Amino acid sequence: MKKQLSVILFIVGLSLASVVTKAQTTEKQPVVKVTGEVTTPLTITDADLHQYKQAIVVRKDRDGNDHTYTGVVVADILQKAGVMMNRESLTKYLLVDASDGYQVIFALAELDKSFTDRTIILADTVDGKPLASGDGPFRIIVQDEKKPARCIKQVTGLKVVFAK
């Protein structure tokens, strides 16, 4: 009887060890969720991001050094989600969420090429390398904005919302 109990406990122990090891080695892939007033909600992975046309934005850091960010124009992502850039979009905004709870807002007109020449991208690389863990894996980069407050790091969500 003791031998059977020992065998059962041994098997249970191995099973638990296997589950714990699998849980520790399975990493959740980072994503950006596109939600809100969209016709097609999206979940974007790093691989998905590379399926879009890539754009480049050069931005200075605090020390005045230029850095080249590569990513996707945010308007292109919203277009794929079914957001129409039209007169109605003047009453909508994009709420960008970060993993630490930080949020920023862009009027949809700020993202529309018929209103502005400024490029706003969802970046995943800087100077040809993946973003540092404290900045990425996804980051909004705003071309030619004087302060980097809306260059939000560790982006997890893009939500289109009516202002009304």
N, C-alpha and C. Protein backbone atom coordinates (compact mmCIF):
# COMPACT_ATOMS: atom_id res chain seq x y z
N MET A 1 0.81 -1.19 0.00
CA MET A 1 0.00 0.00 0.00
C MET A 1 0.86 1.26 0.00
N LYS A 2 1.90 1.26 0.85
CA LYS A 2 2.81 2.41 0.90
C LYS A 2 3.51 2.59 -0.44
N LYS A 3 3.82 1.49 -1.09
CA LYS A 3 4.52 1.56 -2.38
C LYS A 3 3.62 2.19 -3.43
N GLN A 4 2.32 1.81 -3.44
CA GLN A 4 1.37 2.39 -4.39
C GLN A 4 1.20 3.90 -4.14
N LEU A 5 1.09 4.26 -2.87
CA LEU A 5 0.96 5.67 -2.51
C LEU A 5 2.20 6.46 -2.94
N SER A 6 3.37 5.88 -2.76
CA SER A 6 4.62 6.53 -3.18
C SER A 6 4.65 6.72 -4.68
N VAL A 7 4.20 5.72 -5.44
CA VAL A 7 4.18 5.80 -6.91
C VAL A 7 3.20 6.90 -7.35
N ILE A 8 2.03 6.94 -6.71
CA ILE A 8 1.03 7.95 -7.07
C ILE A 8 1.56 9.35 -6.77
N LEU A 9 2.14 9.53 -5.60
CA LEU A 9 2.70 10.84 -5.25
C LEU A 9 3.83 11.23 -6.20
N PHE A 10 4.64 10.28 -6.60
CA PHE A 10 5.73 10.53 -7.55
C PHE A 10 5.17 11.00 -8.89
N ILE A 11 4.12 10.35 -9.38
CA ILE A 11 3.51 10.70 -10.67
C ILE A 11 2.87 12.09 -10.59
N VAL A 12 2.17 12.35 -9.48
CA VAL A 12 1.56 13.67 -9.29
C VAL A 12 2.64 14.75 -9.24
N GLY A 13 3.73 14.47 -8.55
CA GLY A 13 4.84 15.41 -8.46
C GLY A 13 5.43 15.71 -9.82
N LEU A 14 5.62 14.67 -10.64
CA LEU A 14 6.14 14.88 -12.00
C LEU A 14 5.18 15.70 -12.84
N SER A 15 3.89 15.43 -12.71
CA SER A 15 2.89 16.18 -13.48
C SER A 15 2.91 17.65 -13.10
N LEU A 16 2.95 17.94 -11.80
CA LEU A 16 3.00 19.33 -11.36
C LEU A 16 4.27 20.03 -11.82
N ALA A 17 5.39 19.33 -11.75
CA ALA A 17 6.65 19.91 -12.20
C ALA A 17 6.59 20.24 -13.68
N SER A 18 5.95 19.39 -14.47
CA SER A 18 5.81 19.61 -15.90
C SER A 18 4.96 20.84 -16.18
N VAL A 19 3.84 20.98 -15.43
CA VAL A 19 2.96 22.13 -15.61
C VAL A 19 3.68 23.42 -15.23
N VAL A 20 4.39 23.43 -14.13
CA VAL A 20 5.11 24.62 -13.68
C VAL A 20 6.19 25.00 -14.69
N THR A 21 6.93 24.03 -15.18
CA THR A 21 7.98 24.30 -16.16
C THR A 21 7.39 24.86 -17.44
N LYS A 22 6.27 24.28 -17.90
CA LYS A 22 5.63 24.76 -19.13
C LYS A 22 5.14 26.19 -18.93
N ALA A 23 4.54 26.49 -17.79
CA ALA A 23 4.05 27.85 -17.50
C ALA A 23 5.19 28.86 -17.47
N GLN A 24 6.35 28.44 -16.96
CA GLN A 24 7.48 29.35 -16.87
C GLN A 24 8.11 29.62 -18.23
N THR A 25 8.06 28.64 -19.13
CA THR A 25 8.71 28.81 -20.43
C THR A 25 7.79 29.38 -21.49
N THR A 26 6.47 29.38 -21.25
CA THR A 26 5.53 29.92 -22.21
C THR A 26 5.39 31.40 -21.96
N GLU A 27 5.93 32.21 -22.87
CA GLU A 27 5.82 33.66 -22.74
C GLU A 27 4.63 34.13 -23.56
N LYS A 28 3.91 35.07 -23.00
CA LYS A 28 2.79 35.66 -23.71
C LYS A 28 3.33 36.65 -24.72
N GLN A 29 2.91 36.50 -25.97
CA GLN A 29 3.39 37.37 -27.03
C GLN A 29 2.74 38.75 -26.88
N PRO A 30 3.53 39.83 -26.88
CA PRO A 30 2.97 41.18 -26.75
C PRO A 30 2.10 41.52 -27.95
N VAL A 31 1.00 42.20 -27.68
CA VAL A 31 0.07 42.60 -28.74
C VAL A 31 -0.42 44.02 -28.48
N VAL A 32 -0.95 44.61 -29.54
CA VAL A 32 -1.66 45.88 -29.46
C VAL A 32 -3.08 45.60 -29.93
N LYS A 33 -4.05 45.91 -29.09
CA LYS A 33 -5.46 45.70 -29.45
C LYS A 33 -6.04 47.00 -30.00
N VAL A 34 -6.70 46.91 -31.15
CA VAL A 34 -7.36 48.05 -31.77
C VAL A 34 -8.86 47.84 -31.58
N THR A 35 -9.48 48.75 -30.81
CA THR A 35 -10.88 48.58 -30.42
C THR A 35 -11.64 49.89 -30.53
N GLY A 36 -12.87 49.87 -30.04
CA GLY A 36 -13.69 51.07 -30.00
C GLY A 36 -14.55 51.19 -31.24
N GLU A 37 -14.64 52.40 -31.78
CA GLU A 37 -15.48 52.69 -32.94
C GLU A 37 -14.78 52.23 -34.23
N VAL A 38 -14.59 50.92 -34.34
CA VAL A 38 -13.98 50.31 -35.51
C VAL A 38 -14.93 49.23 -36.03
N THR A 39 -14.88 48.94 -37.31
CA THR A 39 -15.73 47.87 -37.85
C THR A 39 -15.06 46.51 -37.70
N THR A 40 -13.72 46.50 -37.63
CA THR A 40 -12.97 45.25 -37.50
C THR A 40 -11.94 45.40 -36.39
N PRO A 41 -12.27 44.98 -35.17
CA PRO A 41 -11.26 45.04 -34.11
C PRO A 41 -10.04 44.19 -34.49
N LEU A 42 -8.88 44.66 -34.11
CA LEU A 42 -7.63 43.97 -34.47
C LEU A 42 -6.82 43.64 -33.22
N THR A 43 -6.05 42.57 -33.32
CA THR A 43 -5.03 42.26 -32.33
C THR A 43 -3.73 42.15 -33.11
N ILE A 44 -2.83 43.09 -32.91
CA ILE A 44 -1.61 43.18 -33.72
C ILE A 44 -0.41 42.66 -32.93
N THR A 45 0.29 41.70 -33.54
CA THR A 45 1.54 41.19 -32.99
C THR A 45 2.69 41.84 -33.74
N ASP A 46 3.90 41.57 -33.30
CA ASP A 46 5.07 42.09 -34.00
C ASP A 46 5.10 41.58 -35.44
N ALA A 47 4.77 40.31 -35.63
CA ALA A 47 4.76 39.75 -36.99
C ALA A 47 3.70 40.44 -37.84
N ASP A 48 2.52 40.71 -37.26
CA ASP A 48 1.47 41.41 -37.99
C ASP A 48 1.93 42.81 -38.41
N LEU A 49 2.63 43.48 -37.53
CA LEU A 49 3.09 44.84 -37.80
C LEU A 49 3.97 44.88 -39.04
N HIS A 50 4.72 43.83 -39.27
CA HIS A 50 5.63 43.79 -40.42
C HIS A 50 4.92 43.46 -41.73
N GLN A 51 3.62 43.16 -41.66
CA GLN A 51 2.83 42.93 -42.88
C GLN A 51 2.38 44.25 -43.49
N TYR A 52 2.45 45.33 -42.74
CA TYR A 52 2.07 46.65 -43.22
C TYR A 52 3.26 47.31 -43.90
N LYS A 53 2.95 48.35 -44.69
CA LYS A 53 4.01 49.18 -45.26
C LYS A 53 4.75 49.87 -44.12
N GLN A 54 6.06 49.79 -44.10
CA GLN A 54 6.87 50.37 -43.03
C GLN A 54 7.15 51.85 -43.32
N ALA A 55 7.19 52.63 -42.25
CA ALA A 55 7.47 54.06 -42.34
C ALA A 55 8.60 54.38 -41.38
N ILE A 56 9.29 55.47 -41.67
CA ILE A 56 10.43 55.89 -40.85
C ILE A 56 10.17 57.30 -40.32
N VAL A 57 10.46 57.49 -39.03
CA VAL A 57 10.39 58.82 -38.41
C VAL A 57 11.71 59.03 -37.67
N VAL A 58 12.35 60.17 -37.93
CA VAL A 58 13.58 60.53 -37.22
C VAL A 58 13.19 61.52 -36.14
N ARG A 59 13.61 61.21 -34.93
CA ARG A 59 13.29 62.04 -33.76
C ARG A 59 14.50 62.24 -32.88
N LYS A 60 14.62 63.40 -32.29
CA LYS A 60 15.75 63.68 -31.39
C LYS A 60 15.42 63.18 -29.98
N ASP A 61 16.46 62.71 -29.28
CA ASP A 61 16.30 62.35 -27.87
C ASP A 61 16.57 63.59 -27.01
N ARG A 62 16.58 63.42 -25.70
CA ARG A 62 16.79 64.55 -24.78
C ARG A 62 18.11 65.25 -24.99
N ASP A 63 19.12 64.51 -25.46
CA ASP A 63 20.45 65.07 -25.65
C ASP A 63 20.64 65.68 -27.04
N GLY A 64 19.58 65.67 -27.85
CA GLY A 64 19.66 66.25 -29.19
C GLY A 64 20.17 65.30 -30.26
N ASN A 65 20.33 64.02 -29.93
CA ASN A 65 20.80 63.03 -30.90
C ASN A 65 19.62 62.48 -31.70
N ASP A 66 19.81 62.38 -33.03
CA ASP A 66 18.77 61.82 -33.89
C ASP A 66 18.71 60.31 -33.74
N HIS A 67 17.47 59.78 -33.74
CA HIS A 67 17.24 58.34 -33.74
C HIS A 67 16.21 58.04 -34.81
N THR A 68 16.41 56.95 -35.53
CA THR A 68 15.54 56.56 -36.62
C THR A 68 14.62 55.44 -36.15
N TYR A 69 13.33 55.74 -36.09
CA TYR A 69 12.31 54.76 -35.68
C TYR A 69 11.63 54.21 -36.91
N THR A 70 11.36 52.91 -36.89
CA THR A 70 10.66 52.26 -37.98
C THR A 70 9.40 51.62 -37.43
N GLY A 71 8.31 51.75 -38.18
CA GLY A 71 7.05 51.17 -37.76
C GLY A 71 6.00 51.38 -38.82
N VAL A 72 4.75 51.46 -38.38
CA VAL A 72 3.61 51.58 -39.30
C VAL A 72 2.86 52.87 -38.98
N VAL A 73 2.47 53.58 -40.02
CA VAL A 73 1.66 54.78 -39.84
C VAL A 73 0.36 54.37 -39.15
N VAL A 74 0.04 55.04 -38.05
CA VAL A 74 -1.14 54.68 -37.25
C VAL A 74 -2.41 54.74 -38.09
N ALA A 75 -2.52 55.70 -38.99
CA ALA A 75 -3.70 55.80 -39.85
C ALA A 75 -3.88 54.54 -40.70
N ASP A 76 -2.80 53.90 -41.11
CA ASP A 76 -2.90 52.66 -41.89
C ASP A 76 -3.50 51.53 -41.05
N ILE A 77 -3.11 51.48 -39.78
CA ILE A 77 -3.68 50.47 -38.88
C ILE A 77 -5.17 50.73 -38.68
N LEU A 78 -5.52 51.99 -38.47
CA LEU A 78 -6.93 52.33 -38.26
C LEU A 78 -7.76 52.06 -39.51
N GLN A 79 -7.17 52.31 -40.67
CA GLN A 79 -7.88 52.02 -41.92
C GLN A 79 -8.17 50.53 -42.03
N LYS A 80 -7.21 49.69 -41.68
CA LYS A 80 -7.43 48.24 -41.73
C LYS A 80 -8.52 47.82 -40.73
N ALA A 81 -8.65 48.56 -39.63
CA ALA A 81 -9.68 48.28 -38.65
C ALA A 81 -11.05 48.83 -39.07
N GLY A 82 -11.07 49.50 -40.21
CA GLY A 82 -12.34 50.00 -40.75
C GLY A 82 -12.70 51.41 -40.36
N VAL A 83 -11.76 52.16 -39.83
CA VAL A 83 -12.02 53.55 -39.45
C VAL A 83 -11.97 54.40 -40.71
N MET A 84 -13.04 55.13 -40.95
CA MET A 84 -13.10 56.01 -42.12
C MET A 84 -12.64 57.40 -41.71
N MET A 85 -11.69 57.93 -42.45
CA MET A 85 -11.23 59.30 -42.22
C MET A 85 -12.10 60.20 -43.09
N ASN A 86 -13.14 60.77 -42.47
CA ASN A 86 -14.06 61.64 -43.18
C ASN A 86 -14.54 62.74 -42.22
N ARG A 87 -15.59 63.43 -42.60
CA ARG A 87 -16.09 64.53 -41.76
C ARG A 87 -16.45 64.04 -40.36
N GLU A 88 -17.02 62.84 -40.27
CA GLU A 88 -17.40 62.29 -38.96
C GLU A 88 -16.19 62.06 -38.05
N SER A 89 -15.03 61.84 -38.67
CA SER A 89 -13.83 61.58 -37.87
C SER A 89 -13.36 62.83 -37.11
N LEU A 90 -13.89 63.98 -37.45
CA LEU A 90 -13.53 65.20 -36.73
C LEU A 90 -14.07 65.19 -35.30
N THR A 91 -15.01 64.32 -35.01
CA THR A 91 -15.56 64.23 -33.66
C THR A 91 -15.09 62.96 -32.95
N LYS A 92 -14.02 62.36 -33.46
CA LYS A 92 -13.47 61.15 -32.85
C LYS A 92 -12.02 61.39 -32.44
N TYR A 93 -11.57 60.58 -31.48
CA TYR A 93 -10.18 60.64 -31.08
C TYR A 93 -9.66 59.23 -30.86
N LEU A 94 -8.34 59.13 -30.81
CA LEU A 94 -7.67 57.86 -30.56
C LEU A 94 -7.07 57.91 -29.17
N LEU A 95 -7.48 56.99 -28.32
CA LEU A 95 -6.94 56.85 -26.98
C LEU A 95 -5.89 55.73 -27.03
N VAL A 96 -4.66 56.08 -26.69
CA VAL A 96 -3.55 55.12 -26.73
C VAL A 96 -3.22 54.72 -25.29
N ASP A 97 -3.21 53.42 -25.03
CA ASP A 97 -2.93 52.89 -23.69
C ASP A 97 -1.55 52.25 -23.65
N ALA A 98 -0.87 52.42 -22.51
CA ALA A 98 0.42 51.77 -22.26
C ALA A 98 0.25 50.75 -21.14
N SER A 99 1.20 49.84 -21.04
CA SER A 99 1.13 48.77 -20.04
C SER A 99 1.17 49.29 -18.61
N ASP A 100 1.72 50.48 -18.40
CA ASP A 100 1.81 51.04 -17.04
C ASP A 100 0.63 51.94 -16.68
N GLY A 101 -0.39 52.00 -17.57
CA GLY A 101 -1.56 52.82 -17.30
C GLY A 101 -1.50 54.22 -17.91
N TYR A 102 -0.34 54.62 -18.44
CA TYR A 102 -0.21 55.93 -19.09
C TYR A 102 -1.10 55.95 -20.33
N GLN A 103 -1.72 57.09 -20.61
CA GLN A 103 -2.58 57.23 -21.77
C GLN A 103 -2.31 58.57 -22.46
N VAL A 104 -2.48 58.58 -23.78
CA VAL A 104 -2.44 59.83 -24.54
C VAL A 104 -3.57 59.80 -25.56
N ILE A 105 -3.91 61.00 -26.04
CA ILE A 105 -5.01 61.15 -26.99
C ILE A 105 -4.52 61.88 -28.24
N PHE A 106 -5.03 61.43 -29.38
CA PHE A 106 -4.82 62.11 -30.66
C PHE A 106 -6.19 62.31 -31.29
N ALA A 107 -6.49 63.53 -31.75
CA ALA A 107 -7.67 63.73 -32.58
C ALA A 107 -7.44 62.94 -33.87
N LEU A 108 -8.48 62.30 -34.40
CA LEU A 108 -8.28 61.53 -35.63
C LEU A 108 -7.76 62.41 -36.77
N ALA A 109 -8.13 63.67 -36.77
CA ALA A 109 -7.64 64.58 -37.81
C ALA A 109 -6.11 64.70 -37.76
N GLU A 110 -5.51 64.54 -36.58
CA GLU A 110 -4.04 64.58 -36.47
C GLU A 110 -3.38 63.39 -37.17
N LEU A 111 -4.14 62.37 -37.42
CA LEU A 111 -3.61 61.16 -38.06
C LEU A 111 -3.92 61.11 -39.55
N ASP A 112 -4.76 62.01 -40.02
CA ASP A 112 -5.27 62.00 -41.38
C ASP A 112 -4.36 62.82 -42.30
N LYS A 113 -3.80 62.18 -43.32
CA LYS A 113 -2.87 62.85 -44.25
C LYS A 113 -3.53 63.98 -45.04
N SER A 114 -4.86 64.01 -45.11
CA SER A 114 -5.51 65.13 -45.79
C SER A 114 -5.56 66.37 -44.90
N PHE A 115 -5.22 66.24 -43.60
CA PHE A 115 -5.19 67.36 -42.68
C PHE A 115 -3.77 67.77 -42.29
N THR A 116 -2.82 66.84 -42.32
CA THR A 116 -1.49 67.13 -41.80
C THR A 116 -0.41 66.38 -42.56
N ASP A 117 0.80 66.94 -42.52
CA ASP A 117 1.96 66.26 -43.09
C ASP A 117 2.74 65.52 -42.01
N ARG A 118 2.37 65.69 -40.75
CA ARG A 118 3.05 65.03 -39.63
C ARG A 118 2.78 63.52 -39.70
N THR A 119 3.82 62.75 -39.47
CA THR A 119 3.69 61.30 -39.46
C THR A 119 3.72 60.79 -38.03
N ILE A 120 2.75 59.95 -37.70
CA ILE A 120 2.67 59.32 -36.38
C ILE A 120 2.66 57.82 -36.62
N ILE A 121 3.66 57.13 -36.03
CA ILE A 121 3.80 55.70 -36.28
C ILE A 121 3.72 54.90 -34.99
N LEU A 122 3.37 53.63 -35.17
CA LEU A 122 3.52 52.63 -34.11
C LEU A 122 4.83 51.92 -34.44
N ALA A 123 5.86 52.23 -33.67
CA ALA A 123 7.22 51.75 -33.97
C ALA A 123 7.54 50.49 -33.17
N ASP A 124 8.43 49.69 -33.75
CA ASP A 124 8.96 48.52 -33.02
C ASP A 124 10.48 48.45 -33.10
N THR A 125 11.09 49.37 -33.86
CA THR A 125 12.55 49.40 -33.92
C THR A 125 13.05 50.84 -33.83
N VAL A 126 14.28 50.97 -33.32
CA VAL A 126 14.96 52.25 -33.29
C VAL A 126 16.40 52.00 -33.72
N ASP A 127 16.85 52.78 -34.67
CA ASP A 127 18.21 52.64 -35.20
C ASP A 127 18.50 51.21 -35.64
N GLY A 128 17.48 50.56 -36.23
CA GLY A 128 17.65 49.21 -36.79
C GLY A 128 17.59 48.08 -35.78
N LYS A 129 17.32 48.40 -34.51
CA LYS A 129 17.26 47.37 -33.46
C LYS A 129 15.89 47.39 -32.79
N PRO A 130 15.46 46.26 -32.22
CA PRO A 130 14.19 46.27 -31.48
C PRO A 130 14.25 47.30 -30.35
N LEU A 131 13.11 47.86 -30.03
CA LEU A 131 13.04 48.82 -28.93
C LEU A 131 13.49 48.17 -27.64
N ALA A 132 14.13 48.94 -26.77
CA ALA A 132 14.55 48.44 -25.46
C ALA A 132 13.32 48.03 -24.67
N SER A 133 13.48 47.11 -23.74
CA SER A 133 12.33 46.59 -23.00
C SER A 133 11.56 47.68 -22.27
N GLY A 134 12.21 48.72 -21.82
CA GLY A 134 11.53 49.82 -21.15
C GLY A 134 10.75 50.72 -22.09
N ASP A 135 11.01 50.61 -23.38
CA ASP A 135 10.34 51.44 -24.38
C ASP A 135 9.31 50.67 -25.20
N GLY A 136 9.51 49.38 -25.36
CA GLY A 136 8.69 48.60 -26.28
C GLY A 136 7.98 47.46 -25.61
N PRO A 137 7.53 46.56 -26.42
CA PRO A 137 7.94 46.31 -27.79
C PRO A 137 7.31 47.24 -28.83
N PHE A 138 6.28 48.00 -28.41
CA PHE A 138 5.64 48.93 -29.34
C PHE A 138 5.63 50.33 -28.71
N ARG A 139 5.86 51.33 -29.57
CA ARG A 139 5.90 52.70 -29.08
C ARG A 139 5.33 53.63 -30.15
N ILE A 140 4.55 54.61 -29.73
CA ILE A 140 4.08 55.65 -30.65
C ILE A 140 5.18 56.69 -30.77
N ILE A 141 5.50 57.06 -32.01
CA ILE A 141 6.48 58.10 -32.28
C ILE A 141 5.78 59.19 -33.10
N VAL A 142 5.88 60.42 -32.61
CA VAL A 142 5.23 61.56 -33.27
C VAL A 142 6.31 62.42 -33.91
N GLN A 143 6.23 62.56 -35.21
CA GLN A 143 7.20 63.36 -35.96
C GLN A 143 7.04 64.84 -35.62
N ASP A 144 8.16 65.50 -35.36
CA ASP A 144 8.23 66.96 -35.21
C ASP A 144 7.42 67.54 -34.06
N GLU A 145 7.05 66.76 -33.08
CA GLU A 145 6.39 67.33 -31.92
C GLU A 145 7.48 67.82 -30.97
N LYS A 146 7.33 69.01 -30.42
CA LYS A 146 8.39 69.62 -29.62
C LYS A 146 8.72 68.85 -28.36
N LYS A 147 7.71 68.29 -27.69
CA LYS A 147 7.95 67.52 -26.48
C LYS A 147 7.54 66.07 -26.73
N PRO A 148 8.22 65.12 -26.12
CA PRO A 148 7.93 63.70 -26.39
C PRO A 148 6.82 63.10 -25.54
N ALA A 149 5.99 63.93 -24.91
CA ALA A 149 4.97 63.42 -23.98
C ALA A 149 4.00 62.44 -24.64
N ARG A 150 3.73 62.61 -25.94
CA ARG A 150 2.80 61.69 -26.60
C ARG A 150 3.53 60.57 -27.34
N CYS A 151 4.84 60.50 -27.23
CA CYS A 151 5.61 59.37 -27.77
C CYS A 151 5.54 58.25 -26.72
N ILE A 152 4.38 57.68 -26.59
CA ILE A 152 4.05 56.76 -25.51
C ILE A 152 4.75 55.41 -25.70
N LYS A 153 5.32 54.92 -24.60
CA LYS A 153 6.08 53.66 -24.61
C LYS A 153 5.19 52.50 -24.20
N GLN A 154 5.61 51.30 -24.54
CA GLN A 154 4.94 50.05 -24.15
C GLN A 154 3.44 50.08 -24.47
N VAL A 155 3.13 50.40 -25.70
CA VAL A 155 1.72 50.52 -26.15
C VAL A 155 1.04 49.16 -26.13
N THR A 156 -0.18 49.13 -25.57
CA THR A 156 -0.96 47.90 -25.53
C THR A 156 -2.31 48.06 -26.22
N GLY A 157 -2.78 49.30 -26.41
CA GLY A 157 -4.09 49.46 -27.01
C GLY A 157 -4.26 50.76 -27.76
N LEU A 158 -5.08 50.68 -28.81
CA LEU A 158 -5.48 51.84 -29.60
C LEU A 158 -7.01 51.79 -29.65
N LYS A 159 -7.67 52.77 -29.04
CA LYS A 159 -9.12 52.74 -28.97
C LYS A 159 -9.68 54.00 -29.62
N VAL A 160 -10.55 53.82 -30.62
CA VAL A 160 -11.20 54.94 -31.31
C VAL A 160 -12.49 55.25 -30.56
N VAL A 161 -12.66 56.55 -30.20
CA VAL A 161 -13.77 56.96 -29.35
C VAL A 161 -14.42 58.21 -29.93
N PHE A 162 -15.77 58.29 -29.82
CA PHE A 162 -16.48 59.52 -30.17
C PHE A 162 -16.29 60.53 -29.07
N ALA A 163 -16.08 61.79 -29.40
CA ALA A 163 -15.91 62.85 -28.40
C ALA A 163 -17.24 63.26 -27.80
N LYS A 164 -18.33 62.98 -28.48
CA LYS A 164 -19.66 63.40 -27.99
C LYS A 164 -20.14 62.50 -26.87
